[in-house]
Amino acid sequence: AQFIWSTSTSDRDPHAIYADFSQAG
């Protein structure tokens, strides 16, 4: 019933989400 910060991928093996940006844009 509450909003929570919880963000994962891979079922039953939670991995946090990342993105790499090599240059501005």
mmCIF file of all heavy atoms, coordinates in Angstrom:
data_MODEL
# 
_entry.id   MODEL 
# 
loop_
_atom_site.group_PDB 
_atom_site.id 
_atom_site.type_symbol 
_atom_site.label_atom_id 
_atom_site.label_alt_id 
_atom_site.label_comp_id 
_atom_site.label_asym_id 
_atom_site.label_entity_id 
_atom_site.label_seq_id 
_atom_site.pdbx_PDB_ins_code 
_atom_site.Cartn_x 
_atom_site.Cartn_y 
_atom_site.Cartn_z 
_atom_site.occupancy 
_atom_site.B_iso_or_equiv 
_atom_site.pdbx_formal_charge 
_atom_site.auth_seq_id 
_atom_site.auth_comp_id 
_atom_site.auth_asym_id 
_atom_site.auth_atom_id 
_atom_site.pdbx_PDB_model_num 
ATOM 1   N N   . ALA A 1 1  ? 0.812  -1.212  0.000   1.00 0.00 ? 1  ALA A N   1 
ATOM 2   C CA  . ALA A 1 1  ? 0.000  0.000   0.000   1.00 0.00 ? 1  ALA A CA  1 
ATOM 3   C C   . ALA A 1 1  ? 0.851  1.271   0.000   1.00 0.00 ? 1  ALA A C   1 
ATOM 4   O O   . ALA A 1 1  ? 0.306  2.375   0.060   1.00 0.00 ? 1  ALA A O   1 
ATOM 5   C CB  . ALA A 1 1  ? -0.947 0.007   1.212   1.00 0.00 ? 1  ALA A CB  1 
ATOM 6   N N   . GLN A 1 2  ? 2.174  1.120   -0.071  1.00 0.00 ? 2  GLN A N   1 
ATOM 7   C CA  . GLN A 1 2  ? 3.074  2.267   0.007   1.00 0.00 ? 2  GLN A CA  1 
ATOM 8   C C   . GLN A 1 2  ? 3.993  2.332   -1.218  1.00 0.00 ? 2  GLN A C   1 
ATOM 9   O O   . GLN A 1 2  ? 4.397  1.309   -1.762  1.00 0.00 ? 2  GLN A O   1 
ATOM 10  C CB  . GLN A 1 2  ? 3.938  2.189   1.279   1.00 0.00 ? 2  GLN A CB  1 
ATOM 11  C CG  . GLN A 1 2  ? 3.151  2.180   2.573   1.00 0.00 ? 2  GLN A CG  1 
ATOM 12  C CD  . GLN A 1 2  ? 2.443  3.508   2.818   1.00 0.00 ? 2  GLN A CD  1 
ATOM 13  O OE1 . GLN A 1 2  ? 2.965  4.571   2.478   1.00 0.00 ? 2  GLN A OE1 1 
ATOM 14  N NE2 . GLN A 1 2  ? 1.261  3.434   3.419   1.00 0.00 ? 2  GLN A NE2 1 
ATOM 15  N N   . PHE A 1 3  ? 4.327  3.553   -1.603  1.00 0.00 ? 3  PHE A N   1 
ATOM 16  C CA  . PHE A 1 3  ? 5.380  3.743   -2.589  1.00 0.00 ? 3  PHE A CA  1 
ATOM 17  C C   . PHE A 1 3  ? 6.720  3.391   -1.936  1.00 0.00 ? 3  PHE A C   1 
ATOM 18  O O   . PHE A 1 3  ? 6.990  3.799   -0.807  1.00 0.00 ? 3  PHE A O   1 
ATOM 19  C CB  . PHE A 1 3  ? 5.436  5.197   -3.054  1.00 0.00 ? 3  PHE A CB  1 
ATOM 20  C CG  . PHE A 1 3  ? 4.363  5.584   -4.041  1.00 0.00 ? 3  PHE A CG  1 
ATOM 21  C CD1 . PHE A 1 3  ? 3.199  6.195   -3.614  1.00 0.00 ? 3  PHE A CD1 1 
ATOM 22  C CD2 . PHE A 1 3  ? 4.532  5.326   -5.398  1.00 0.00 ? 3  PHE A CD2 1 
ATOM 23  C CE1 . PHE A 1 3  ? 2.220  6.562   -4.524  1.00 0.00 ? 3  PHE A CE1 1 
ATOM 24  C CE2 . PHE A 1 3  ? 3.566  5.682   -6.318  1.00 0.00 ? 3  PHE A CE2 1 
ATOM 25  C CZ  . PHE A 1 3  ? 2.399  6.305   -5.883  1.00 0.00 ? 3  PHE A CZ  1 
ATOM 26  N N   . ILE A 1 4  ? 7.553  2.634   -2.663  1.00 0.00 ? 4  ILE A N   1 
ATOM 27  C CA  . ILE A 1 4  ? 8.888  2.346   -2.158  1.00 0.00 ? 4  ILE A CA  1 
ATOM 28  C C   . ILE A 1 4  ? 9.908  2.471   -3.292  1.00 0.00 ? 4  ILE A C   1 
ATOM 29  O O   . ILE A 1 4  ? 9.584  2.315   -4.473  1.00 0.00 ? 4  ILE A O   1 
ATOM 30  C CB  . ILE A 1 4  ? 8.999  0.947   -1.519  1.00 0.00 ? 4  ILE A CB  1 
ATOM 31  C CG1 . ILE A 1 4  ? 8.798  -0.158  -2.573  1.00 0.00 ? 4  ILE A CG1 1 
ATOM 32  C CG2 . ILE A 1 4  ? 8.032  0.782   -0.366  1.00 0.00 ? 4  ILE A CG2 1 
ATOM 33  C CD1 . ILE A 1 4  ? 9.136  -1.557  -2.060  1.00 0.00 ? 4  ILE A CD1 1 
ATOM 34  N N   . TRP A 1 5  ? 11.146 2.781   -2.909  1.00 0.00 ? 5  TRP A N   1 
ATOM 35  C CA  . TRP A 1 5  ? 12.268 2.769   -3.843  1.00 0.00 ? 5  TRP A CA  1 
ATOM 36  C C   . TRP A 1 5  ? 12.820 1.352   -3.887  1.00 0.00 ? 5  TRP A C   1 
ATOM 37  O O   . TRP A 1 5  ? 13.476 0.899   -2.944  1.00 0.00 ? 5  TRP A O   1 
ATOM 38  C CB  . TRP A 1 5  ? 13.350 3.742   -3.404  1.00 0.00 ? 5  TRP A CB  1 
ATOM 39  C CG  . TRP A 1 5  ? 12.950 5.188   -3.476  1.00 0.00 ? 5  TRP A CG  1 
ATOM 40  C CD1 . TRP A 1 5  ? 12.414 5.950   -2.479  1.00 0.00 ? 5  TRP A CD1 1 
ATOM 41  C CD2 . TRP A 1 5  ? 13.069 6.042   -4.617  1.00 0.00 ? 5  TRP A CD2 1 
ATOM 42  N NE1 . TRP A 1 5  ? 12.180 7.231   -2.919  1.00 0.00 ? 5  TRP A NE1 1 
ATOM 43  C CE2 . TRP A 1 5  ? 12.574 7.320   -4.235  1.00 0.00 ? 5  TRP A CE2 1 
ATOM 44  C CE3 . TRP A 1 5  ? 13.537 5.868   -5.925  1.00 0.00 ? 5  TRP A CE3 1 
ATOM 45  C CZ2 . TRP A 1 5  ? 12.542 8.402   -5.110  1.00 0.00 ? 5  TRP A CZ2 1 
ATOM 46  C CZ3 . TRP A 1 5  ? 13.515 6.946   -6.792  1.00 0.00 ? 5  TRP A CZ3 1 
ATOM 47  C CH2 . TRP A 1 5  ? 13.019 8.188   -6.391  1.00 0.00 ? 5  TRP A CH2 1 
ATOM 48  N N   . SER A 1 6  ? 12.526 0.654   -4.968  1.00 0.00 ? 6  SER A N   1 
ATOM 49  C CA  . SER A 1 6  ? 13.010 -0.714  -5.139  1.00 0.00 ? 6  SER A CA  1 
ATOM 50  C C   . SER A 1 6  ? 13.055 -0.982  -6.640  1.00 0.00 ? 6  SER A C   1 
ATOM 51  O O   . SER A 1 6  ? 12.009 -1.004  -7.297  1.00 0.00 ? 6  SER A O   1 
ATOM 52  C CB  . SER A 1 6  ? 12.073 -1.710  -4.452  1.00 0.00 ? 6  SER A CB  1 
ATOM 53  O OG  . SER A 1 6  ? 12.498 -3.045  -4.663  1.00 0.00 ? 6  SER A OG  1 
ATOM 54  N N   . THR A 1 7  ? 14.268 -1.182  -7.183  1.00 0.00 ? 7  THR A N   1 
ATOM 55  C CA  . THR A 1 7  ? 14.442 -1.203  -8.639  1.00 0.00 ? 7  THR A CA  1 
ATOM 56  C C   . THR A 1 7  ? 15.465 -2.267  -9.016  1.00 0.00 ? 7  THR A C   1 
ATOM 57  O O   . THR A 1 7  ? 16.665 -2.079  -8.820  1.00 0.00 ? 7  THR A O   1 
ATOM 58  C CB  . THR A 1 7  ? 14.925 0.182   -9.126  1.00 0.00 ? 7  THR A CB  1 
ATOM 59  O OG1 . THR A 1 7  ? 14.104 1.207   -8.567  1.00 0.00 ? 7  THR A OG1 1 
ATOM 60  C CG2 . THR A 1 7  ? 14.902 0.267   -10.637 1.00 0.00 ? 7  THR A CG2 1 
ATOM 61  N N   . SER A 1 8  ? 14.991 -3.388  -9.549  1.00 0.00 ? 8  SER A N   1 
ATOM 62  C CA  . SER A 1 8  ? 15.901 -4.504  -9.854  1.00 0.00 ? 8  SER A CA  1 
ATOM 63  C C   . SER A 1 8  ? 15.503 -5.194  -11.141 1.00 0.00 ? 8  SER A C   1 
ATOM 64  O O   . SER A 1 8  ? 14.360 -5.097  -11.598 1.00 0.00 ? 8  SER A O   1 
ATOM 65  C CB  . SER A 1 8  ? 15.878 -5.531  -8.711  1.00 0.00 ? 8  SER A CB  1 
ATOM 66  O OG  . SER A 1 8  ? 16.262 -4.967  -7.482  1.00 0.00 ? 8  SER A OG  1 
ATOM 67  N N   . THR A 1 9  ? 16.449 -5.929  -11.701 1.00 0.00 ? 9  THR A N   1 
ATOM 68  C CA  . THR A 1 9  ? 16.182 -6.843  -12.806 1.00 0.00 ? 9  THR A CA  1 
ATOM 69  C C   . THR A 1 9  ? 16.787 -8.186  -12.469 1.00 0.00 ? 9  THR A C   1 
ATOM 70  O O   . THR A 1 9  ? 17.629 -8.285  -11.566 1.00 0.00 ? 9  THR A O   1 
ATOM 71  C CB  . THR A 1 9  ? 16.746 -6.294  -14.132 1.00 0.00 ? 9  THR A CB  1 
ATOM 72  O OG1 . THR A 1 9  ? 16.188 -7.037  -15.220 1.00 0.00 ? 9  THR A OG1 1 
ATOM 73  C CG2 . THR A 1 9  ? 18.264 -6.369  -14.177 1.00 0.00 ? 9  THR A CG2 1 
ATOM 74  N N   . SER A 1 10 ? 16.372 -9.237  -13.180 1.00 0.00 ? 10 SER A N   1 
ATOM 75  C CA  . SER A 1 10 ? 16.803 -10.622 -12.982 1.00 0.00 ? 10 SER A CA  1 
ATOM 76  C C   . SER A 1 10 ? 16.054 -11.239 -11.800 1.00 0.00 ? 10 SER A C   1 
ATOM 77  O O   . SER A 1 10 ? 16.359 -10.953 -10.629 1.00 0.00 ? 10 SER A O   1 
ATOM 78  C CB  . SER A 1 10 ? 18.313 -10.753 -12.789 1.00 0.00 ? 10 SER A CB  1 
ATOM 79  O OG  . SER A 1 10 ? 18.726 -12.108 -12.875 1.00 0.00 ? 10 SER A OG  1 
ATOM 80  N N   . ASP A 1 11 ? 15.076 -12.085 -12.105 1.00 0.00 ? 11 ASP A N   1 
ATOM 81  C CA  . ASP A 1 11 ? 14.215 -12.683 -11.078 1.00 0.00 ? 11 ASP A CA  1 
ATOM 82  C C   . ASP A 1 11 ? 15.013 -13.492 -10.058 1.00 0.00 ? 11 ASP A C   1 
ATOM 83  O O   . ASP A 1 11 ? 15.888 -14.277 -10.414 1.00 0.00 ? 11 ASP A O   1 
ATOM 84  C CB  . ASP A 1 11 ? 13.185 -13.603 -11.743 1.00 0.00 ? 11 ASP A CB  1 
ATOM 85  C CG  . ASP A 1 11 ? 12.174 -12.829 -12.578 1.00 0.00 ? 11 ASP A CG  1 
ATOM 86  O OD1 . ASP A 1 11 ? 12.158 -11.588 -12.500 1.00 0.00 ? 11 ASP A OD1 1 
ATOM 87  O OD2 . ASP A 1 11 ? 11.402 -13.489 -13.318 1.00 0.00 ? 11 ASP A OD2 1 
ATOM 88  N N   . ARG A 1 12 ? 14.689 -13.278 -8.800  1.00 0.00 ? 12 ARG A N   1 
ATOM 89  C CA  . ARG A 1 12 ? 15.285 -13.994 -7.660  1.00 0.00 ? 12 ARG A CA  1 
ATOM 90  C C   . ARG A 1 12 ? 16.803 -13.816 -7.574  1.00 0.00 ? 12 ARG A C   1 
ATOM 91  O O   . ARG A 1 12 ? 17.477 -14.527 -6.841  1.00 0.00 ? 12 ARG A O   1 
ATOM 92  C CB  . ARG A 1 12 ? 14.925 -15.499 -7.714  1.00 0.00 ? 12 ARG A CB  1 
ATOM 93  C CG  . ARG A 1 12 ? 13.436 -15.779 -7.626  1.00 0.00 ? 12 ARG A CG  1 
ATOM 94  C CD  . ARG A 1 12 ? 13.116 -17.233 -7.850  1.00 0.00 ? 12 ARG A CD  1 
ATOM 95  N NE  . ARG A 1 12 ? 13.498 -17.658 -9.193  1.00 0.00 ? 12 ARG A NE  1 
ATOM 96  C CZ  . ARG A 1 12 ? 12.767 -17.423 -10.295 1.00 0.00 ? 12 ARG A CZ  1 
ATOM 97  N NH1 . ARG A 1 12 ? 11.630 -16.762 -10.188 1.00 0.00 ? 12 ARG A NH1 1 
ATOM 98  N NH2 . ARG A 1 12 ? 13.180 -17.830 -11.478 1.00 0.00 ? 12 ARG A NH2 1 
ATOM 99  N N   . ASP A 1 13 ? 17.315 -12.884 -8.331  1.00 0.00 ? 13 ASP A N   1 
ATOM 100 C CA  . ASP A 1 13 ? 18.746 -12.573 -8.310  1.00 0.00 ? 13 ASP A CA  1 
ATOM 101 C C   . ASP A 1 13 ? 18.895 -11.073 -8.602  1.00 0.00 ? 13 ASP A C   1 
ATOM 102 O O   . ASP A 1 13 ? 19.443 -10.681 -9.629  1.00 0.00 ? 13 ASP A O   1 
ATOM 103 C CB  . ASP A 1 13 ? 19.482 -13.406 -9.363  1.00 0.00 ? 13 ASP A CB  1 
ATOM 104 C CG  . ASP A 1 13 ? 20.983 -13.196 -9.335  1.00 0.00 ? 13 ASP A CG  1 
ATOM 105 O OD1 . ASP A 1 13 ? 21.524 -12.868 -8.261  1.00 0.00 ? 13 ASP A OD1 1 
ATOM 106 O OD2 . ASP A 1 13 ? 21.624 -13.355 -10.405 1.00 0.00 ? 13 ASP A OD2 1 
ATOM 107 N N   . PRO A 1 14 ? 18.380 -10.233 -7.713  1.00 0.00 ? 14 PRO A N   1 
ATOM 108 C CA  . PRO A 1 14 ? 18.217 -8.809  -8.028  1.00 0.00 ? 14 PRO A CA  1 
ATOM 109 C C   . PRO A 1 14 ? 19.522 -8.082  -8.328  1.00 0.00 ? 14 PRO A C   1 
ATOM 110 O O   . PRO A 1 14 ? 20.470 -8.113  -7.553  1.00 0.00 ? 14 PRO A O   1 
ATOM 111 C CB  . PRO A 1 14 ? 17.544 -8.240  -6.774  1.00 0.00 ? 14 PRO A CB  1 
ATOM 112 C CG  . PRO A 1 14 ? 17.877 -9.215  -5.683  1.00 0.00 ? 14 PRO A CG  1 
ATOM 113 C CD  . PRO A 1 14 ? 17.943 -10.543 -6.333  1.00 0.00 ? 14 PRO A CD  1 
ATOM 114 N N   . HIS A 1 15 ? 19.538 -7.432  -9.499  1.00 0.00 ? 15 HIS A N   1 
ATOM 115 C CA  . HIS A 1 15 ? 20.652 -6.594  -9.936  1.00 0.00 ? 15 HIS A CA  1 
ATOM 116 C C   . HIS A 1 15 ? 20.144 -5.160  -10.079 1.00 0.00 ? 15 HIS A C   1 
ATOM 117 O O   . HIS A 1 15 ? 19.073 -4.930  -10.656 1.00 0.00 ? 15 HIS A O   1 
ATOM 118 C CB  . HIS A 1 15 ? 21.194 -7.069  -11.286 1.00 0.00 ? 15 HIS A CB  1 
ATOM 119 C CG  . HIS A 1 15 ? 22.021 -8.315  -11.229 1.00 0.00 ? 15 HIS A CG  1 
ATOM 120 N ND1 . HIS A 1 15 ? 21.529 -9.520  -10.757 1.00 0.00 ? 15 HIS A ND1 1 
ATOM 121 C CD2 . HIS A 1 15 ? 23.314 -8.554  -11.604 1.00 0.00 ? 15 HIS A CD2 1 
ATOM 122 C CE1 . HIS A 1 15 ? 22.482 -10.443 -10.835 1.00 0.00 ? 15 HIS A CE1 1 
ATOM 123 N NE2 . HIS A 1 15 ? 23.575 -9.877  -11.344 1.00 0.00 ? 15 HIS A NE2 1 
ATOM 124 N N   . ALA A 1 16 ? 20.915 -4.216  -9.551  1.00 0.00 ? 16 ALA A N   1 
ATOM 125 C CA  . ALA A 1 16 ? 20.572 -2.804  -9.710  1.00 0.00 ? 16 ALA A CA  1 
ATOM 126 C C   . ALA A 1 16 ? 20.789 -2.389  -11.169 1.00 0.00 ? 16 ALA A C   1 
ATOM 127 O O   . ALA A 1 16 ? 21.552 -3.023  -11.900 1.00 0.00 ? 16 ALA A O   1 
ATOM 128 C CB  . ALA A 1 16 ? 21.415 -1.938  -8.774  1.00 0.00 ? 16 ALA A CB  1 
ATOM 129 N N   . ILE A 1 17 ? 20.141 -1.299  -11.577 1.00 0.00 ? 17 ILE A N   1 
ATOM 130 C CA  . ILE A 1 17 ? 20.155 -0.864  -12.978 1.00 0.00 ? 17 ILE A CA  1 
ATOM 131 C C   . ILE A 1 17 ? 21.150 0.272   -13.171 1.00 0.00 ? 17 ILE A C   1 
ATOM 132 O O   . ILE A 1 17 ? 21.135 1.265   -12.435 1.00 0.00 ? 17 ILE A O   1 
ATOM 133 C CB  . ILE A 1 17 ? 18.759 -0.396  -13.415 1.00 0.00 ? 17 ILE A CB  1 
ATOM 134 C CG1 . ILE A 1 17 ? 17.710 -1.478  -13.123 1.00 0.00 ? 17 ILE A CG1 1 
ATOM 135 C CG2 . ILE A 1 17 ? 18.760 -0.016  -14.893 1.00 0.00 ? 17 ILE A CG2 1 
ATOM 136 C CD1 . ILE A 1 17 ? 17.926 -2.764  -13.860 1.00 0.00 ? 17 ILE A CD1 1 
ATOM 137 N N   . TYR A 1 18 ? 22.006 0.136   -14.204 1.00 0.00 ? 18 TYR A N   1 
ATOM 138 C CA  . TYR A 1 18 ? 23.021 1.154   -14.496 1.00 0.00 ? 18 TYR A CA  1 
ATOM 139 C C   . TYR A 1 18 ? 23.046 1.472   -15.992 1.00 0.00 ? 18 TYR A C   1 
ATOM 140 O O   . TYR A 1 18 ? 22.661 0.644   -16.836 1.00 0.00 ? 18 TYR A O   1 
ATOM 141 C CB  . TYR A 1 18 ? 24.407 0.678   -14.071 1.00 0.00 ? 18 TYR A CB  1 
ATOM 142 C CG  . TYR A 1 18 ? 24.616 0.666   -12.578 1.00 0.00 ? 18 TYR A CG  1 
ATOM 143 C CD1 . TYR A 1 18 ? 24.241 -0.445  -11.817 1.00 0.00 ? 18 TYR A CD1 1 
ATOM 144 C CD2 . TYR A 1 18 ? 25.179 1.763   -11.920 1.00 0.00 ? 18 TYR A CD2 1 
ATOM 145 C CE1 . TYR A 1 18 ? 24.420 -0.458  -10.435 1.00 0.00 ? 18 TYR A CE1 1 
ATOM 146 C CE2 . TYR A 1 18 ? 25.370 1.761   -10.545 1.00 0.00 ? 18 TYR A CE2 1 
ATOM 147 C CZ  . TYR A 1 18 ? 24.989 0.648   -9.811  1.00 0.00 ? 18 TYR A CZ  1 
ATOM 148 O OH  . TYR A 1 18 ? 25.170 0.645   -8.446  1.00 0.00 ? 18 TYR A OH  1 
ATOM 149 N N   . ALA A 1 19 ? 23.549 2.676   -16.294 1.00 0.00 ? 19 ALA A N   1 
ATOM 150 C CA  . ALA A 1 19 ? 23.781 3.088   -17.685 1.00 0.00 ? 19 ALA A CA  1 
ATOM 151 C C   . ALA A 1 19 ? 25.055 3.920   -17.723 1.00 0.00 ? 19 ALA A C   1 
ATOM 152 O O   . ALA A 1 19 ? 25.268 4.783   -16.871 1.00 0.00 ? 19 ALA A O   1 
ATOM 153 C CB  . ALA A 1 19 ? 22.605 3.888   -18.226 1.00 0.00 ? 19 ALA A CB  1 
ATOM 154 N N   . ASP A 1 20 ? 25.898 3.634   -18.712 1.00 0.00 ? 20 ASP A N   1 
ATOM 155 C CA  . ASP A 1 20 ? 27.155 4.380   -18.892 1.00 0.00 ? 20 ASP A CA  1 
ATOM 156 C C   . ASP A 1 20 ? 27.010 5.354   -20.061 1.00 0.00 ? 20 ASP A C   1 
ATOM 157 O O   . ASP A 1 20 ? 26.541 4.966   -21.145 1.00 0.00 ? 20 ASP A O   1 
ATOM 158 C CB  . ASP A 1 20 ? 28.313 3.427   -19.194 1.00 0.00 ? 20 ASP A CB  1 
ATOM 159 C CG  . ASP A 1 20 ? 28.704 2.564   -18.007 1.00 0.00 ? 20 ASP A CG  1 
ATOM 160 O OD1 . ASP A 1 20 ? 28.162 2.789   -16.901 1.00 0.00 ? 20 ASP A OD1 1 
ATOM 161 O OD2 . ASP A 1 20 ? 29.547 1.660   -18.194 1.00 0.00 ? 20 ASP A OD2 1 
ATOM 162 N N   . PHE A 1 21 ? 27.439 6.589   -19.845 1.00 0.00 ? 21 PHE A N   1 
ATOM 163 C CA  . PHE A 1 21 ? 27.428 7.622   -20.883 1.00 0.00 ? 21 PHE A CA  1 
ATOM 164 C C   . PHE A 1 21 ? 28.857 8.129   -21.059 1.00 0.00 ? 21 PHE A C   1 
ATOM 165 O O   . PHE A 1 21 ? 29.432 8.695   -20.125 1.00 0.00 ? 21 PHE A O   1 
ATOM 166 C CB  . PHE A 1 21 ? 26.511 8.776   -20.490 1.00 0.00 ? 21 PHE A CB  1 
ATOM 167 C CG  . PHE A 1 21 ? 25.085 8.359   -20.201 1.00 0.00 ? 21 PHE A CG  1 
ATOM 168 C CD1 . PHE A 1 21 ? 24.671 8.091   -18.889 1.00 0.00 ? 21 PHE A CD1 1 
ATOM 169 C CD2 . PHE A 1 21 ? 24.164 8.222   -21.225 1.00 0.00 ? 21 PHE A CD2 1 
ATOM 170 C CE1 . PHE A 1 21 ? 23.366 7.705   -18.613 1.00 0.00 ? 21 PHE A CE1 1 
ATOM 171 C CE2 . PHE A 1 21 ? 22.852 7.829   -20.966 1.00 0.00 ? 21 PHE A CE2 1 
ATOM 172 C CZ  . PHE A 1 21 ? 22.453 7.571   -19.657 1.00 0.00 ? 21 PHE A CZ  1 
ATOM 173 N N   . SER A 1 22 ? 29.427 7.921   -22.238 1.00 0.00 ? 22 SER A N   1 
ATOM 174 C CA  . SER A 1 22 ? 30.818 8.294   -22.459 1.00 0.00 ? 22 SER A CA  1 
ATOM 175 C C   . SER A 1 22 ? 30.990 9.762   -22.824 1.00 0.00 ? 22 SER A C   1 
ATOM 176 O O   . SER A 1 22 ? 32.095 10.296  -22.746 1.00 0.00 ? 22 SER A O   1 
ATOM 177 C CB  . SER A 1 22 ? 31.426 7.423   -23.569 1.00 0.00 ? 22 SER A CB  1 
ATOM 178 O OG  . SER A 1 22 ? 30.760 7.649   -24.798 1.00 0.00 ? 22 SER A OG  1 
ATOM 179 N N   . GLN A 1 23 ? 29.912 10.402  -23.243 1.00 0.00 ? 23 GLN A N   1 
ATOM 180 C CA  . GLN A 1 23 ? 30.014 11.816  -23.599 1.00 0.00 ? 23 GLN A CA  1 
ATOM 181 C C   . GLN A 1 23 ? 28.710 12.529  -23.296 1.00 0.00 ? 23 GLN A C   1 
ATOM 182 O O   . GLN A 1 23 ? 27.651 11.905  -23.195 1.00 0.00 ? 23 GLN A O   1 
ATOM 183 C CB  . GLN A 1 23 ? 30.370 11.976  -25.076 1.00 0.00 ? 23 GLN A CB  1 
ATOM 184 C CG  . GLN A 1 23 ? 29.361 11.415  -26.051 1.00 0.00 ? 23 GLN A CG  1 
ATOM 185 C CD  . GLN A 1 23 ? 29.812 11.573  -27.500 1.00 0.00 ? 23 GLN A CD  1 
ATOM 186 O OE1 . GLN A 1 23 ? 30.861 12.128  -27.787 1.00 0.00 ? 23 GLN A OE1 1 
ATOM 187 N NE2 . GLN A 1 23 ? 29.006 11.088  -28.431 1.00 0.00 ? 23 GLN A NE2 1 
ATOM 188 N N   . ALA A 1 24 ? 28.820 13.847  -23.122 1.00 0.00 ? 24 ALA A N   1 
ATOM 189 C CA  . ALA A 1 24 ? 27.639 14.650  -22.877 1.00 0.00 ? 24 ALA A CA  1 
ATOM 190 C C   . ALA A 1 24 ? 26.733 14.620  -24.096 1.00 0.00 ? 24 ALA A C   1 
ATOM 191 O O   . ALA A 1 24 ? 27.184 14.485  -25.227 1.00 0.00 ? 24 ALA A O   1 
ATOM 192 C CB  . ALA A 1 24 ? 28.047 16.088  -22.541 1.00 0.00 ? 24 ALA A CB  1 
ATOM 193 N N   . GLY A 1 25 ? 25.438 14.752  -23.863 1.00 0.00 ? 25 GLY A N   1 
ATOM 194 C CA  . GLY A 1 25 ? 24.491 14.752  -24.975 1.00 0.00 ? 25 GLY A CA  1 
ATOM 195 C C   . GLY A 1 25 ? 23.095 14.435  -24.488 1.00 0.00 ? 25 GLY A C   1 
ATOM 196 O O   . GLY A 1 25 ? 22.850 14.275  -23.282 1.00 0.00 ? 25 GLY A O   1 
# 
